[in-house]
Amino acid sequence: MPRRQAQAVGWDASLVRALRRHMNLSQEELAAQLGTRQQTVSEWETGRYRPRGASVTLLAIIAERAEFEYGTTRAKPESRNSKE
């Protein structure tokens, strides 16, 4: 499978949330994997801020390892039963 260019993916609120739910992680757990704060993940998911810099690259690496489809197709909305 070809590697995606991390910078080419627009990590918006819904895509960050979909990745986290795909992995069945809490915001705190995803933040720990990214080396950032839970509040930062929350701000990404509410659209207050967007991931940038190294966070974009790390999100891409995590997404690929989790076999999460992103980039060319939109992620499907996850059910409400997932961790918030």
PDB file of N, CA and C in Angstrom:
ATOM      1  N   MET A   1       0.856  -1.177   0.000  1.00  0.00           N
ATOM      2  CA  MET A   1       0.000   0.000   0.000  1.00  0.00           C
ATOM      3  C   MET A   1       0.901   1.238   0.000  1.00  0.00           C
ATOM      4  N   PRO A   2       0.666   2.183  -0.898  1.00  0.00           N
ATOM      5  CA  PRO A   2       1.503   3.388  -0.930  1.00  0.00           C
ATOM      6  C   PRO A   2       1.272   4.260   0.289  1.00  0.00           C
ATOM      7  N   ARG A   3       2.333   4.891   0.724  1.00  0.00           N
ATOM      8  CA  ARG A   3       2.227   5.782   1.882  1.00  0.00           C
ATOM      9  C   ARG A   3       1.611   7.095   1.445  1.00  0.00           C
ATOM     10  N   ARG A   4       0.765   7.632   2.287  1.00  0.00           N
ATOM     11  CA  ARG A   4       0.145   8.925   2.007  1.00  0.00           C
ATOM     12  C   ARG A   4       1.078  10.034   2.475  1.00  0.00           C
ATOM     13  N   GLN A   5       0.962  11.174   1.868  1.00  0.00           N
ATOM     14  CA  GLN A   5       1.704  12.339   2.319  1.00  0.00           C
ATOM     15  C   GLN A   5       0.956  12.940   3.495  1.00  0.00           C
ATOM     16  N   ALA A   6       1.557  12.941   4.668  1.00  0.00           N
ATOM     17  CA  ALA A   6       0.894  13.412   5.885  1.00  0.00           C
ATOM     18  C   ALA A   6       0.373  14.835   5.731  1.00  0.00           C
ATOM     19  N   GLN A   7       1.147  15.693   5.088  1.00  0.00           N
ATOM     20  CA  GLN A   7       0.752  17.088   4.966  1.00  0.00           C
ATOM     21  C   GLN A   7      -0.443  17.274   4.037  1.00  0.00           C
ATOM     22  N   ALA A   8      -0.700  16.298   3.142  1.00  0.00           N
ATOM     23  CA  ALA A   8      -1.780  16.437   2.172  1.00  0.00           C
ATOM     24  C   ALA A   8      -3.154  16.207   2.793  1.00  0.00           C
ATOM     25  N   VAL A   9      -3.203  15.574   3.945  1.00  0.00           N
ATOM     26  CA  VAL A   9      -4.479  15.272   4.587  1.00  0.00           C
ATOM     27  C   VAL A   9      -4.923  16.459   5.421  1.00  0.00           C
ATOM     28  N   GLY A  10      -6.146  16.885   5.220  1.00  0.00           N
ATOM     29  CA  GLY A  10      -6.707  17.961   6.030  1.00  0.00           C
ATOM     30  C   GLY A  10      -7.360  17.379   7.267  1.00  0.00           C
ATOM     31  N   TRP A  11      -6.643  17.352   8.359  1.00  0.00           N
ATOM     32  CA  TRP A  11      -7.163  16.778   9.595  1.00  0.00           C
ATOM     33  C   TRP A  11      -8.135  17.764  10.225  1.00  0.00           C
ATOM     34  N   ASP A  12      -9.405  17.618   9.890  1.00  0.00           N
ATOM     35  CA  ASP A  12     -10.424  18.482  10.480  1.00  0.00           C
ATOM     36  C   ASP A  12     -11.044  17.788  11.692  1.00  0.00           C
ATOM     37  N   ALA A  13     -11.989  18.460  12.328  1.00  0.00           N
ATOM     38  CA  ALA A  13     -12.595  17.960  13.565  1.00  0.00           C
ATOM     39  C   ALA A  13     -13.189  16.568  13.391  1.00  0.00           C
ATOM     40  N   SER A  14     -13.954  16.364  12.331  1.00  0.00           N
ATOM     41  CA  SER A  14     -14.629  15.076  12.153  1.00  0.00           C
ATOM     42  C   SER A  14     -13.644  13.954  11.863  1.00  0.00           C
ATOM     43  N   LEU A  15     -12.553  14.243  11.173  1.00  0.00           N
ATOM     44  CA  LEU A  15     -11.575  13.209  10.856  1.00  0.00           C
ATOM     45  C   LEU A  15     -10.776  12.802  12.094  1.00  0.00           C
ATOM     46  N   VAL A  16     -10.403  13.765  12.925  1.00  0.00           N
ATOM     47  CA  VAL A  16      -9.699  13.443  14.178  1.00  0.00           C
ATOM     48  C   VAL A  16     -10.604  12.590  15.062  1.00  0.00           C
ATOM     49  N   ARG A  17     -11.858  12.991  15.204  1.00  0.00           N
ATOM     50  CA  ARG A  17     -12.813  12.247  16.029  1.00  0.00           C
ATOM     51  C   ARG A  17     -13.039  10.841  15.472  1.00  0.00           C
ATOM     52  N   ALA A  18     -13.177  10.732  14.145  1.00  0.00           N
ATOM     53  CA  ALA A  18     -13.393   9.423  13.525  1.00  0.00           C
ATOM     54  C   ALA A  18     -12.202   8.493  13.756  1.00  0.00           C
ATOM     55  N   LEU A  19     -10.984   9.027  13.664  1.00  0.00           N
ATOM     56  CA  LEU A  19      -9.796   8.218  13.938  1.00  0.00           C
ATOM     57  C   LEU A  19      -9.814   7.727  15.375  1.00  0.00           C
ATOM     58  N   ARG A  20     -10.074   8.629  16.302  1.00  0.00           N
ATOM     59  CA  ARG A  20     -10.073   8.247  17.721  1.00  0.00           C
ATOM     60  C   ARG A  20     -11.126   7.175  17.990  1.00  0.00           C
ATOM     61  N   ARG A  21     -12.304   7.345  17.432  1.00  0.00           N
ATOM     62  CA  ARG A  21     -13.374   6.365  17.643  1.00  0.00           C
ATOM     63  C   ARG A  21     -13.067   5.044  16.949  1.00  0.00           C
ATOM     64  N   HIS A  22     -12.453   5.113  15.778  1.00  0.00           N
ATOM     65  CA  HIS A  22     -12.040   3.904  15.065  1.00  0.00           C
ATOM     66  C   HIS A  22     -11.102   3.073  15.946  1.00  0.00           C
ATOM     67  N   MET A  23     -10.251   3.761  16.679  1.00  0.00           N
ATOM     68  CA  MET A  23      -9.290   3.094  17.552  1.00  0.00           C
ATOM     69  C   MET A  23      -9.877   2.774  18.921  1.00  0.00           C
ATOM     70  N   ASN A  24     -11.131   3.209  19.152  1.00  0.00           N
ATOM     71  CA  ASN A  24     -11.811   2.998  20.429  1.00  0.00           C
ATOM     72  C   ASN A  24     -10.999   3.569  21.597  1.00  0.00           C
ATOM     73  N   LEU A  25     -10.541   4.807  21.419  1.00  0.00           N
ATOM     74  CA  LEU A  25      -9.753   5.491  22.439  1.00  0.00           C
ATOM     75  C   LEU A  25     -10.521   6.680  22.995  1.00  0.00           C
ATOM     76  N   SER A  26     -10.212   7.038  24.218  1.00  0.00           N
ATOM     77  CA  SER A  26     -10.710   8.291  24.779  1.00  0.00           C
ATOM     78  C   SER A  26      -9.818   9.420  24.264  1.00  0.00           C
ATOM     79  N   GLN A  27     -10.254  10.643  24.454  1.00  0.00           N
ATOM     80  CA  GLN A  27      -9.409  11.782  24.078  1.00  0.00           C
ATOM     81  C   GLN A  27      -8.088  11.727  24.830  1.00  0.00           C
ATOM     82  N   GLU A  28      -8.139  11.365  26.086  1.00  0.00           N
ATOM     83  CA  GLU A  28      -6.924  11.288  26.899  1.00  0.00           C
ATOM     84  C   GLU A  28      -5.963  10.228  26.360  1.00  0.00           C
ATOM     85  N   GLU A  29      -6.497   9.087  25.947  1.00  0.00           N
ATOM     86  CA  GLU A  29      -5.649   8.016  25.419  1.00  0.00           C
ATOM     87  C   GLU A  29      -5.005   8.413  24.088  1.00  0.00           C
ATOM     88  N   LEU A  30      -5.771   9.059  23.209  1.00  0.00           N
ATOM     89  CA  LEU A  30      -5.191   9.518  21.945  1.00  0.00           C
ATOM     90  C   LEU A  30      -4.137  10.591  22.210  1.00  0.00           C
ATOM     91  N   ALA A  31      -4.430  11.493  23.125  1.00  0.00           N
ATOM     92  CA  ALA A  31      -3.468  12.542  23.478  1.00  0.00           C
ATOM     93  C   ALA A  31      -2.154  11.932  23.962  1.00  0.00           C
ATOM     94  N   ALA A  32      -2.231  10.881  24.765  1.00  0.00           N
ATOM     95  CA  ALA A  32      -1.022  10.227  25.263  1.00  0.00           C
ATOM     96  C   ALA A  32      -0.202   9.647  24.109  1.00  0.00           C
ATOM     97  N   GLN A  33      -0.868   9.063  23.122  1.00  0.00           N
ATOM     98  CA  GLN A  33      -0.151   8.509  21.970  1.00  0.00           C
ATOM     99  C   GLN A  33       0.511   9.602  21.136  1.00  0.00           C
ATOM    100  N   LEU A  34      -0.104  10.775  21.120  1.00  0.00           N
ATOM    101  CA  LEU A  34       0.431  11.897  20.341  1.00  0.00           C
ATOM    102  C   LEU A  34       1.421  12.746  21.128  1.00  0.00           C
ATOM    103  N   GLY A  35       1.497  12.527  22.438  1.00  0.00           N
ATOM    104  CA  GLY A  35       2.372  13.341  23.273  1.00  0.00           C
ATOM    105  C   GLY A  35       1.844  14.750  23.459  1.00  0.00           C
ATOM    106  N   THR A  36       0.514  14.876  23.533  1.00  0.00           N
ATOM    107  CA  THR A  36      -0.112  16.179  23.709  1.00  0.00           C
ATOM    108  C   THR A  36      -1.136  16.094  24.837  1.00  0.00           C
ATOM    109  N   ARG A  37      -1.856  17.179  25.061  1.00  0.00           N
ATOM    110  CA  ARG A  37      -2.842  17.216  26.140  1.00  0.00           C
ATOM    111  C   ARG A  37      -4.210  16.762  25.647  1.00  0.00           C
ATOM    112  N   GLN A  38      -5.027  16.255  26.559  1.00  0.00           N
ATOM    113  CA  GLN A  38      -6.408  15.894  26.234  1.00  0.00           C
ATOM    114  C   GLN A  38      -7.143  17.114  25.731  1.00  0.00           C
ATOM    115  N   GLN A  39      -6.876  18.270  26.318  1.00  0.00           N
ATOM    116  CA  GLN A  39      -7.539  19.509  25.918  1.00  0.00           C
ATOM    117  C   GLN A  39      -7.252  19.833  24.446  1.00  0.00           C
ATOM    118  N   THR A  40      -6.049  19.545  23.999  1.00  0.00           N
ATOM    119  CA  THR A  40      -5.697  19.787  22.601  1.00  0.00           C
ATOM    120  C   THR A  40      -6.540  18.921  21.676  1.00  0.00           C
ATOM    121  N   VAL A  41      -6.669  17.640  22.001  1.00  0.00           N
ATOM    122  CA  VAL A  41      -7.505  16.743  21.194  1.00  0.00           C
ATOM    123  C   VAL A  41      -8.946  17.241  21.191  1.00  0.00           C
ATOM    124  N   SER A  42      -9.431  17.676  22.338  1.00  0.00           N
ATOM    125  CA  SER A  42     -10.787  18.223  22.428  1.00  0.00           C
ATOM    126  C   SER A  42     -10.947  19.440  21.518  1.00  0.00           C
ATOM    127  N   GLU A  43      -9.968  20.316  21.523  1.00  0.00           N
ATOM    128  CA  GLU A  43     -10.027  21.521  20.681  1.00  0.00           C
ATOM    129  C   GLU A  43     -10.001  21.171  19.196  1.00  0.00           C
ATOM    130  N   TRP A  44      -9.266  20.136  18.833  1.00  0.00           N
ATOM    131  CA  TRP A  44      -9.283  19.685  17.438  1.00  0.00           C
ATOM    132  C   TRP A  44     -10.662  19.155  17.073  1.00  0.00           C
ATOM    133  N   GLU A  45     -11.240  18.360  17.970  1.00  0.00           N
ATOM    134  CA  GLU A  45     -12.524  17.717  17.683  1.00  0.00           C
ATOM    135  C   GLU A  45     -13.693  18.694  17.672  1.00  0.00           C
ATOM    136  N   THR A  46     -13.570  19.802  18.352  1.00  0.00           N
ATOM    137  CA  THR A  46     -14.638  20.805  18.329  1.00  0.00           C
ATOM    138  C   THR A  46     -14.421  21.825  17.217  1.00  0.00           C
ATOM    139  N   GLY A  47     -13.276  21.754  16.555  1.00  0.00           N
ATOM    140  CA  GLY A  47     -12.982  22.672  15.465  1.00  0.00           C
ATOM    141  C   GLY A  47     -12.389  23.991  15.912  1.00  0.00           C
ATOM    142  N   ARG A  48     -12.084  24.111  17.189  1.00  0.00           N
ATOM    143  CA  ARG A  48     -11.474  25.354  17.679  1.00  0.00           C
ATOM    144  C   ARG A  48     -10.104  25.565  17.034  1.00  0.00           C
ATOM    145  N   TYR A  49      -9.345  24.487  16.937  1.00  0.00           N
ATOM    146  CA  TYR A  49      -8.038  24.507  16.280  1.00  0.00           C
ATOM    147  C   TYR A  49      -7.935  23.283  15.392  1.00  0.00           C
ATOM    148  N   ARG A  50      -6.951  23.300  14.492  1.00  0.00           N
ATOM    149  CA  ARG A  50      -6.663  22.149  13.642  1.00  0.00           C
ATOM    150  C   ARG A  50      -5.255  21.663  13.953  1.00  0.00           C
ATOM    151  N   PRO A  51      -5.038  20.359  13.842  1.00  0.00           N
ATOM    152  CA  PRO A  51      -3.680  19.847  14.038  1.00  0.00           C
ATOM    153  C   PRO A  51      -2.735  20.474  13.021  1.00  0.00           C
ATOM    154  N   ARG A  52      -1.493  20.695  13.456  1.00  0.00           N
ATOM    155  CA  ARG A  52      -0.481  21.233  12.548  1.00  0.00           C
ATOM    156  C   ARG A  52       0.885  20.715  12.970  1.00  0.00           C
ATOM    157  N   GLY A  53       1.835  20.915  12.113  1.00  0.00           N
ATOM    158  CA  GLY A  53       3.206  20.517  12.401  1.00  0.00           C
ATOM    159  C   GLY A  53       3.363  19.025  12.627  1.00  0.00           C
ATOM    160  N   ALA A  54       4.110  18.684  13.659  1.00  0.00           N
ATOM    161  CA  ALA A  54       4.400  17.283  13.961  1.00  0.00           C
ATOM    162  C   ALA A  54       3.135  16.493  14.274  1.00  0.00           C
ATOM    163  N   SER A  55       2.110  17.150  14.800  1.00  0.00           N
ATOM    164  CA  SER A  55       0.862  16.450  15.121  1.00  0.00           C
ATOM    165  C   SER A  55       0.220  15.865  13.873  1.00  0.00           C
ATOM    166  N   VAL A  56       0.314  16.557  12.752  1.00  0.00           N
ATOM    167  CA  VAL A  56      -0.239  16.059  11.490  1.00  0.00           C
ATOM    168  C   VAL A  56       0.477  14.775  11.080  1.00  0.00           C
ATOM    169  N   THR A  57       1.788  14.782  11.188  1.00  0.00           N
ATOM    170  CA  THR A  57       2.573  13.600  10.842  1.00  0.00           C
ATOM    171  C   THR A  57       2.252  12.443  11.771  1.00  0.00           C
ATOM    172  N   LEU A  58       2.176  12.714  13.068  1.00  0.00           N
ATOM    173  CA  LEU A  58       1.861  11.658  14.029  1.00  0.00           C
ATOM    174  C   LEU A  58       0.463  11.093  13.811  1.00  0.00           C
ATOM    175  N   LEU A  59      -0.514  11.948  13.524  1.00  0.00           N
ATOM    176  CA  LEU A  59      -1.865  11.463  13.229  1.00  0.00           C
ATOM    177  C   LEU A  59      -1.845  10.531  12.021  1.00  0.00           C
ATOM    178  N   ALA A  60      -1.087  10.882  10.994  1.00  0.00           N
ATOM    179  CA  ALA A  60      -0.992  10.043   9.798  1.00  0.00           C
ATOM    180  C   ALA A  60      -0.366   8.689  10.121  1.00  0.00           C
ATOM    181  N   ILE A  61       0.682   8.687  10.919  1.00  0.00           N
ATOM    182  CA  ILE A  61       1.344   7.437  11.302  1.00  0.00           C
ATOM    183  C   ILE A  61       0.389   6.564  12.101  1.00  0.00           C
ATOM    184  N   ILE A  62      -0.278   7.154  13.079  1.00  0.00           N
ATOM    185  CA  ILE A  62      -1.227   6.414  13.907  1.00  0.00           C
ATOM    186  C   ILE A  62      -2.368   5.872  13.052  1.00  0.00           C
ATOM    187  N   ALA A  63      -2.880   6.694  12.135  1.00  0.00           N
ATOM    188  CA  ALA A  63      -3.983   6.272  11.266  1.00  0.00           C
ATOM    189  C   ALA A  63      -3.573   5.085  10.395  1.00  0.00           C
ATOM    190  N   GLU A  64      -2.383   5.136   9.834  1.00  0.00           N
ATOM    191  CA  GLU A  64      -1.918   4.041   8.981  1.00  0.00           C
ATOM    192  C   GLU A  64      -1.737   2.763   9.777  1.00  0.00           C
ATOM    193  N   ARG A  65      -1.188   2.867  10.964  1.00  0.00           N
ATOM    194  CA  ARG A  65      -1.006   1.676  11.805  1.00  0.00           C
ATOM    195  C   ARG A  65      -2.337   1.074  12.227  1.00  0.00           C
ATOM    196  N   ALA A  66      -3.356   1.928  12.381  1.00  0.00           N
ATOM    197  CA  ALA A  66      -4.691   1.467  12.782  1.00  0.00           C
ATOM    198  C   ALA A  66      -5.529   1.043  11.575  1.00  0.00           C
ATOM    199  N   GLU A  67      -4.928   1.093  10.373  1.00  0.00           N
ATOM    200  CA  GLU A  67      -5.627   0.764   9.129  1.00  0.00           C
ATOM    201  C   GLU A  67      -6.896   1.603   8.976  1.00  0.00           C
ATOM    202  N   PHE A  68      -6.757   2.879   9.288  1.00  0.00           N
ATOM    203  CA  PHE A  68      -7.853   3.845   9.193  1.00  0.00           C
ATOM    204  C   PHE A  68      -7.805   4.502   7.824  1.00  0.00           C
ATOM    205  N   GLU A  69      -8.903   4.426   7.086  1.00  0.00           N
ATOM    206  CA  GLU A  69      -8.977   5.032   5.753  1.00  0.00           C
ATOM    207  C   GLU A  69      -9.183   6.535   5.894  1.00  0.00           C
ATOM    208  N   TYR A  70      -8.296   7.296   5.299  1.00  0.00           N
ATOM    209  CA  TYR A  70      -8.392   8.753   5.354  1.00  0.00           C
ATOM    210  C   TYR A  70      -7.748   9.329   4.111  1.00  0.00           C
ATOM    211  N   GLY A  71      -7.937  10.597   3.895  1.00  0.00           N
ATOM    212  CA  GLY A  71      -7.270  11.266   2.782  1.00  0.00           C
ATOM    213  C   GLY A  71      -8.119  11.356   1.543  1.00  0.00           C
ATOM    214  N   THR A  72      -8.267  10.251   0.817  1.00  0.00           N
ATOM    215  CA  THR A  72      -9.011  10.306  -0.437  1.00  0.00           C
ATOM    216  C   THR A  72     -10.507  10.145  -0.234  1.00  0.00           C
ATOM    217  N   THR A  73     -10.908   9.488   0.850  1.00  0.00           N
ATOM    218  CA  THR A  73     -12.334   9.327   1.132  1.00  0.00           C
ATOM    219  C   THR A  73     -12.610   9.814   2.533  1.00  0.00           C
ATOM    220  N   ARG A  74     -13.801  10.301   2.746  1.00  0.00           N
ATOM    221  CA  ARG A  74     -14.184  10.775   4.076  1.00  0.00           C
ATOM    222  C   ARG A  74     -14.453   9.582   4.978  1.00  0.00           C
ATOM    223  N   ALA A  75     -14.083   9.728   6.228  1.00  0.00           N
ATOM    224  CA  ALA A  75     -14.362   8.691   7.209  1.00  0.00           C
ATOM    225  C   ALA A  75     -15.857   8.639   7.473  1.00  0.00           C
ATOM    226  N   LYS A  76     -16.342   7.423   7.725  1.00  0.00           N
ATOM    227  CA  LYS A  76     -17.749   7.268   8.054  1.00  0.00           C
ATOM    228  C   LYS A  76     -17.977   7.733   9.482  1.00  0.00           C
ATOM    229  N   PRO A  77     -19.106   8.389   9.755  1.00  0.00           N
ATOM    230  CA  PRO A  77     -19.416   8.770  11.136  1.00  0.00           C
ATOM    231  C   PRO A  77     -19.528   7.521  12.000  1.00  0.00           C
ATOM    232  N   GLU A  78     -19.000   7.597  13.180  1.00  0.00           N
ATOM    233  CA  GLU A  78     -19.045   6.472  14.106  1.00  0.00           C
ATOM    234  C   GLU A  78     -20.308   6.525  14.945  1.00  0.00           C
ATOM    235  N   SER A  79     -20.652   5.394  15.535  1.00  0.00           N
ATOM    236  CA  SER A  79     -21.846   5.343  16.377  1.00  0.00           C
ATOM    237  C   SER A  79     -21.605   6.077  17.685  1.00  0.00           C
ATOM    238  N   ARG A  80     -22.668   6.435  18.346  1.00  0.00           N
ATOM    239  CA  ARG A  80     -22.593   7.144  19.626  1.00  0.00           C
ATOM    240  C   ARG A  80     -22.135   6.237  20.759  1.00  0.00           C
ATOM    241  N   ASN A  81     -22.040   4.927  20.518  1.00  0.00           N
ATOM    242  CA  ASN A  81     -21.654   3.991  21.569  1.00  0.00           C
ATOM    243  C   ASN A  81     -20.158   3.989  21.827  1.00  0.00           C
ATOM    244  N   SER A  82     -19.396   4.657  20.984  1.00  0.00           N
ATOM    245  CA  SER A  82     -17.945   4.720  21.160  1.00  0.00           C
ATOM    246  C   SER A  82     -17.596   5.648  22.307  1.00  0.00           C
ATOM    247  N   LYS A  83     -16.354   5.522  22.782  1.00  0.00           N
ATOM    248  CA  LYS A  83     -15.883   6.413  23.846  1.00  0.00           C
ATOM    249  C   LYS A  83     -15.893   7.842  23.352  1.00  0.00           C
ATOM    250  N   GLU A  84     -16.264   8.781  24.188  1.00  0.00           N
ATOM    251  CA  GLU A  84     -16.274  10.205  23.828  1.00  0.00           C
ATOM    252  C   GLU A  84     -15.012  10.867  24.262  1.00  0.00           C
TER     253      GLU A  84
END
